[in-house]
Amino acid sequence: MEQIFAKLIARTTGIGERQVANTIGLLEEGCTIPFISRYRKEVTGTLDEMQVASVSDNLDKLKEIAKRKETILKTIEEQGKMTEELKTRIDSSWDSTELEDIYLPFKPKRK
């Protein structure tokens, strides 16, 4: 999953994929943004604090989208309406708006 995140964040921010992957690794270890930008420049390829914060923010967003995707897949599966094409569309989508648009027809209605 981290490789996918690294690719998506690198594309969004314009930072090298390797730098993003290394930064994600440090963030997952619990390192703070100021610590990474000041003391781990050799690992991140001299990313500044703003770039590390951008990677961190994008990582948080992608994690939220991944959780939402799991919920959506589970809900549609429970309804028995899951098709291979639908699963592929959900798996390949990393835009929250697009994901919700795909899910809308399957969303349980309130009574």
N, C-alpha and C. Protein backbone atom coordinates (compact mmCIF):
# COMPACT_ATOMS: atom_id res chain seq x y z
N MET A 1 0.83 -1.19 0.00
CA MET A 1 0.00 0.00 0.00
C MET A 1 0.88 1.26 0.00
N GLU A 2 1.98 1.21 0.74
CA GLU A 2 2.86 2.38 0.81
C GLU A 2 3.43 2.73 -0.56
N GLN A 3 3.68 1.73 -1.41
CA GLN A 3 4.20 2.00 -2.74
C GLN A 3 3.18 2.77 -3.58
N ILE A 4 1.91 2.37 -3.45
CA ILE A 4 0.84 3.07 -4.17
C ILE A 4 0.74 4.50 -3.66
N PHE A 5 0.77 4.65 -2.33
CA PHE A 5 0.71 5.98 -1.73
C PHE A 5 1.87 6.83 -2.21
N ALA A 6 3.07 6.27 -2.23
CA ALA A 6 4.26 7.01 -2.65
C ALA A 6 4.11 7.49 -4.09
N LYS A 7 3.61 6.61 -4.98
CA LYS A 7 3.41 7.00 -6.38
C LYS A 7 2.41 8.13 -6.51
N LEU A 8 1.27 8.00 -5.82
CA LEU A 8 0.23 9.01 -5.91
C LEU A 8 0.68 10.35 -5.34
N ILE A 9 1.37 10.32 -4.21
CA ILE A 9 1.85 11.56 -3.59
C ILE A 9 2.93 12.20 -4.46
N ALA A 10 3.82 11.39 -5.01
CA ALA A 10 4.88 11.92 -5.88
C ALA A 10 4.27 12.62 -7.09
N ARG A 11 3.24 12.02 -7.66
CA ARG A 11 2.57 12.62 -8.82
C ARG A 11 1.89 13.93 -8.43
N THR A 12 1.27 13.96 -7.24
CA THR A 12 0.54 15.14 -6.80
C THR A 12 1.47 16.29 -6.43
N THR A 13 2.55 15.98 -5.71
CA THR A 13 3.42 17.03 -5.18
C THR A 13 4.60 17.39 -6.07
N GLY A 14 4.94 16.52 -7.00
CA GLY A 14 6.10 16.77 -7.85
C GLY A 14 7.42 16.42 -7.18
N ILE A 15 7.35 15.75 -6.06
CA ILE A 15 8.55 15.30 -5.33
C ILE A 15 8.88 13.90 -5.85
N GLY A 16 10.15 13.55 -5.86
CA GLY A 16 10.57 12.24 -6.33
C GLY A 16 9.94 11.11 -5.53
N GLU A 17 9.60 10.02 -6.24
CA GLU A 17 8.92 8.90 -5.59
C GLU A 17 9.76 8.28 -4.47
N ARG A 18 11.05 8.18 -4.69
CA ARG A 18 11.93 7.61 -3.66
C ARG A 18 11.96 8.48 -2.41
N GLN A 19 12.01 9.82 -2.61
CA GLN A 19 12.00 10.75 -1.48
C GLN A 19 10.68 10.61 -0.71
N VAL A 20 9.59 10.50 -1.44
CA VAL A 20 8.28 10.36 -0.80
C VAL A 20 8.22 9.05 -0.01
N ALA A 21 8.68 7.96 -0.62
CA ALA A 21 8.65 6.66 0.05
C ALA A 21 9.47 6.68 1.34
N ASN A 22 10.65 7.29 1.29
CA ASN A 22 11.50 7.39 2.48
C ASN A 22 10.83 8.25 3.56
N THR A 23 10.20 9.34 3.14
CA THR A 23 9.51 10.22 4.08
C THR A 23 8.33 9.50 4.73
N ILE A 24 7.58 8.75 3.93
CA ILE A 24 6.46 7.96 4.47
C ILE A 24 6.97 6.97 5.51
N GLY A 25 8.09 6.34 5.21
CA GLY A 25 8.68 5.39 6.17
C GLY A 25 9.00 6.06 7.49
N LEU A 26 9.59 7.26 7.44
CA LEU A 26 9.91 7.98 8.68
C LEU A 26 8.64 8.40 9.42
N LEU A 27 7.63 8.86 8.67
CA LEU A 27 6.37 9.26 9.32
C LEU A 27 5.69 8.06 9.98
N GLU A 28 5.75 6.91 9.32
CA GLU A 28 5.14 5.70 9.89
C GLU A 28 5.88 5.23 11.14
N GLU A 29 7.16 5.55 11.23
CA GLU A 29 7.94 5.21 12.42
C GLU A 29 7.63 6.14 13.59
N GLY A 30 6.88 7.21 13.31
CA GLY A 30 6.50 8.13 14.37
C GLY A 30 7.33 9.40 14.44
N CYS A 31 8.19 9.61 13.47
CA CYS A 31 9.01 10.83 13.46
C CYS A 31 8.12 12.04 13.15
N THR A 32 8.45 13.16 13.75
CA THR A 32 7.68 14.38 13.52
C THR A 32 8.20 15.11 12.28
N ILE A 33 7.38 15.98 11.75
CA ILE A 33 7.75 16.74 10.55
C ILE A 33 9.01 17.59 10.78
N PRO A 34 9.08 18.36 11.88
CA PRO A 34 10.32 19.15 12.10
C PRO A 34 11.57 18.26 12.25
N PHE A 35 11.42 17.13 12.93
CA PHE A 35 12.55 16.22 13.10
C PHE A 35 13.03 15.70 11.74
N ILE A 36 12.08 15.28 10.90
CA ILE A 36 12.44 14.74 9.59
C ILE A 36 13.13 15.80 8.74
N SER A 37 12.56 17.01 8.72
CA SER A 37 13.12 18.05 7.85
C SER A 37 14.47 18.56 8.34
N ARG A 38 14.74 18.47 9.63
CA ARG A 38 16.01 18.98 10.15
C ARG A 38 17.10 17.91 10.23
N TYR A 39 16.71 16.70 10.68
CA TYR A 39 17.74 15.71 11.01
C TYR A 39 17.76 14.50 10.09
N ARG A 40 16.86 14.41 9.15
CA ARG A 40 16.84 13.25 8.25
C ARG A 40 16.92 13.68 6.79
N LYS A 41 17.64 14.77 6.53
CA LYS A 41 17.77 15.27 5.16
C LYS A 41 18.44 14.24 4.24
N GLU A 42 19.36 13.46 4.77
CA GLU A 42 20.03 12.45 3.94
C GLU A 42 19.06 11.34 3.51
N VAL A 43 18.04 11.09 4.31
CA VAL A 43 17.05 10.06 3.98
C VAL A 43 16.00 10.61 3.01
N THR A 44 15.58 11.84 3.24
CA THR A 44 14.51 12.42 2.43
C THR A 44 15.01 13.13 1.17
N GLY A 45 16.30 13.25 1.01
CA GLY A 45 16.82 13.96 -0.15
C GLY A 45 16.65 15.46 -0.02
N THR A 46 16.89 15.98 1.15
CA THR A 46 16.84 17.41 1.49
C THR A 46 15.47 18.06 1.29
N LEU A 47 14.41 17.37 1.64
CA LEU A 47 13.08 17.98 1.61
C LEU A 47 12.97 18.98 2.75
N ASP A 48 12.35 20.10 2.48
CA ASP A 48 12.15 21.08 3.55
C ASP A 48 10.87 20.76 4.32
N GLU A 49 10.62 21.55 5.35
CA GLU A 49 9.49 21.28 6.25
C GLU A 49 8.15 21.33 5.53
N MET A 50 8.00 22.25 4.59
CA MET A 50 6.74 22.37 3.84
C MET A 50 6.50 21.14 2.97
N GLN A 51 7.54 20.63 2.35
CA GLN A 51 7.40 19.45 1.50
C GLN A 51 7.07 18.21 2.34
N VAL A 52 7.72 18.08 3.49
CA VAL A 52 7.43 16.94 4.38
C VAL A 52 6.00 17.04 4.89
N ALA A 53 5.55 18.25 5.23
CA ALA A 53 4.18 18.45 5.68
C ALA A 53 3.19 18.11 4.56
N SER A 54 3.53 18.45 3.34
CA SER A 54 2.68 18.12 2.20
C SER A 54 2.57 16.61 2.03
N VAL A 55 3.68 15.91 2.15
CA VAL A 55 3.66 14.44 2.07
C VAL A 55 2.79 13.87 3.18
N SER A 56 2.95 14.40 4.39
CA SER A 56 2.18 13.93 5.54
C SER A 56 0.67 14.16 5.34
N ASP A 57 0.31 15.35 4.86
CA ASP A 57 -1.11 15.65 4.63
C ASP A 57 -1.71 14.74 3.56
N ASN A 58 -0.97 14.57 2.47
CA ASN A 58 -1.46 13.69 1.40
C ASN A 58 -1.57 12.25 1.87
N LEU A 59 -0.62 11.82 2.71
CA LEU A 59 -0.67 10.46 3.25
C LEU A 59 -1.91 10.26 4.11
N ASP A 60 -2.22 11.24 4.95
CA ASP A 60 -3.42 11.16 5.78
C ASP A 60 -4.69 11.06 4.93
N LYS A 61 -4.75 11.86 3.87
CA LYS A 61 -5.92 11.84 2.99
C LYS A 61 -6.06 10.47 2.32
N LEU A 62 -4.95 9.94 1.84
CA LEU A 62 -5.00 8.65 1.16
C LEU A 62 -5.39 7.52 2.11
N LYS A 63 -4.94 7.61 3.36
CA LYS A 63 -5.33 6.60 4.35
C LYS A 63 -6.83 6.65 4.61
N GLU A 64 -7.38 7.86 4.69
CA GLU A 64 -8.82 8.02 4.88
C GLU A 64 -9.60 7.45 3.70
N ILE A 65 -9.11 7.72 2.49
CA ILE A 65 -9.77 7.19 1.30
C ILE A 65 -9.70 5.66 1.29
N ALA A 66 -8.56 5.11 1.70
CA ALA A 66 -8.42 3.65 1.75
C ALA A 66 -9.42 3.03 2.73
N LYS A 67 -9.60 3.68 3.89
CA LYS A 67 -10.60 3.20 4.86
C LYS A 67 -12.00 3.27 4.28
N ARG A 68 -12.29 4.36 3.60
CA ARG A 68 -13.61 4.54 3.00
C ARG A 68 -13.86 3.48 1.93
N LYS A 69 -12.83 3.18 1.13
CA LYS A 69 -12.95 2.16 0.11
C LYS A 69 -13.30 0.81 0.73
N GLU A 70 -12.65 0.47 1.83
CA GLU A 70 -12.94 -0.79 2.53
C GLU A 70 -14.40 -0.84 2.96
N THR A 71 -14.89 0.26 3.52
CA THR A 71 -16.28 0.33 3.97
C THR A 71 -17.23 0.17 2.79
N ILE A 72 -16.95 0.87 1.72
CA ILE A 72 -17.80 0.81 0.53
C ILE A 72 -17.82 -0.61 -0.04
N LEU A 73 -16.65 -1.21 -0.18
CA LEU A 73 -16.58 -2.58 -0.71
C LEU A 73 -17.36 -3.55 0.17
N LYS A 74 -17.22 -3.41 1.48
CA LYS A 74 -17.91 -4.30 2.41
C LYS A 74 -19.43 -4.12 2.30
N THR A 75 -19.88 -2.88 2.23
CA THR A 75 -21.31 -2.60 2.15
C THR A 75 -21.93 -3.17 0.88
N ILE A 76 -21.27 -2.94 -0.25
CA ILE A 76 -21.80 -3.44 -1.52
C ILE A 76 -21.75 -4.96 -1.55
N GLU A 77 -20.71 -5.54 -0.99
CA GLU A 77 -20.58 -7.00 -0.92
C GLU A 77 -21.72 -7.60 -0.11
N GLU A 78 -22.04 -6.95 1.02
CA GLU A 78 -23.13 -7.44 1.87
C GLU A 78 -24.48 -7.38 1.16
N GLN A 79 -24.63 -6.41 0.26
CA GLN A 79 -25.87 -6.29 -0.50
C GLN A 79 -25.95 -7.32 -1.62
N GLY A 80 -24.82 -7.96 -1.92
CA GLY A 80 -24.78 -8.95 -2.99
C GLY A 80 -24.77 -8.33 -4.39
N LYS A 81 -24.38 -7.09 -4.49
CA LYS A 81 -24.41 -6.39 -5.77
C LYS A 81 -23.02 -6.14 -6.35
N MET A 82 -22.01 -6.76 -5.77
CA MET A 82 -20.64 -6.54 -6.21
C MET A 82 -20.37 -7.26 -7.53
N THR A 83 -19.85 -6.53 -8.49
CA THR A 83 -19.40 -7.12 -9.75
C THR A 83 -17.89 -6.89 -9.85
N GLU A 84 -17.27 -7.63 -10.73
CA GLU A 84 -15.82 -7.48 -10.91
C GLU A 84 -15.48 -6.09 -11.44
N GLU A 85 -16.31 -5.59 -12.35
CA GLU A 85 -16.08 -4.25 -12.91
C GLU A 85 -16.20 -3.17 -11.82
N LEU A 86 -17.21 -3.31 -10.97
CA LEU A 86 -17.42 -2.35 -9.89
C LEU A 86 -16.25 -2.38 -8.90
N LYS A 87 -15.81 -3.57 -8.56
CA LYS A 87 -14.68 -3.72 -7.64
C LYS A 87 -13.42 -3.07 -8.23
N THR A 88 -13.20 -3.27 -9.51
CA THR A 88 -12.04 -2.67 -10.19
C THR A 88 -12.13 -1.15 -10.17
N ARG A 89 -13.32 -0.61 -10.45
CA ARG A 89 -13.50 0.85 -10.44
C ARG A 89 -13.22 1.42 -9.05
N ILE A 90 -13.71 0.76 -8.02
CA ILE A 90 -13.50 1.24 -6.65
C ILE A 90 -12.02 1.15 -6.28
N ASP A 91 -11.40 0.01 -6.60
CA ASP A 91 -9.98 -0.19 -6.27
C ASP A 91 -9.08 0.82 -6.96
N SER A 92 -9.42 1.21 -8.18
CA SER A 92 -8.54 2.10 -8.93
C SER A 92 -8.79 3.58 -8.63
N SER A 93 -9.86 3.90 -7.94
CA SER A 93 -10.19 5.29 -7.66
C SER A 93 -9.50 5.77 -6.37
N TRP A 94 -8.84 6.93 -6.48
CA TRP A 94 -8.23 7.55 -5.29
C TRP A 94 -8.73 8.97 -5.10
N ASP A 95 -9.86 9.28 -5.72
CA ASP A 95 -10.50 10.58 -5.57
C ASP A 95 -11.77 10.38 -4.75
N SER A 96 -11.88 11.07 -3.62
CA SER A 96 -13.01 10.84 -2.73
C SER A 96 -14.35 11.18 -3.37
N THR A 97 -14.39 12.20 -4.19
CA THR A 97 -15.64 12.57 -4.87
C THR A 97 -16.07 11.48 -5.85
N GLU A 98 -15.13 11.02 -6.62
CA GLU A 98 -15.42 9.94 -7.58
C GLU A 98 -15.87 8.68 -6.86
N LEU A 99 -15.22 8.39 -5.75
CA LEU A 99 -15.57 7.21 -4.96
C LEU A 99 -17.00 7.29 -4.45
N GLU A 100 -17.38 8.44 -3.94
CA GLU A 100 -18.74 8.63 -3.44
C GLU A 100 -19.76 8.57 -4.58
N ASP A 101 -19.39 9.07 -5.75
CA ASP A 101 -20.28 8.99 -6.91
C ASP A 101 -20.52 7.54 -7.31
N ILE A 102 -19.48 6.73 -7.27
CA ILE A 102 -19.61 5.30 -7.58
C ILE A 102 -20.52 4.62 -6.56
N TYR A 103 -20.37 5.00 -5.30
CA TYR A 103 -21.10 4.37 -4.20
C TYR A 103 -22.55 4.80 -4.10
N LEU A 104 -22.89 5.98 -4.59
CA LEU A 104 -24.21 6.56 -4.42
C LEU A 104 -25.38 5.62 -4.72
N PRO A 105 -25.40 4.91 -5.85
CA PRO A 105 -26.55 4.02 -6.11
C PRO A 105 -26.67 2.85 -5.14
N PHE A 106 -25.59 2.53 -4.42
CA PHE A 106 -25.60 1.39 -3.51
C PHE A 106 -25.75 1.79 -2.05
N LYS A 107 -25.75 3.09 -1.81
CA LYS A 107 -25.82 3.61 -0.45
C LYS A 107 -27.17 3.21 0.17
N PRO A 108 -27.15 2.61 1.36
CA PRO A 108 -28.42 2.24 2.02
C PRO A 108 -29.26 3.48 2.30
N LYS A 109 -30.52 3.38 2.01
CA LYS A 109 -31.45 4.50 2.25
C LYS A 109 -31.91 4.49 3.69
N ARG A 110 -32.10 5.68 4.25
CA ARG A 110 -32.63 5.79 5.60
C ARG A 110 -34.13 5.58 5.57
N LYS A 111 -34.63 4.95 6.59
CA LYS A 111 -36.07 4.68 6.65
C LYS A 111 -36.78 5.65 7.54
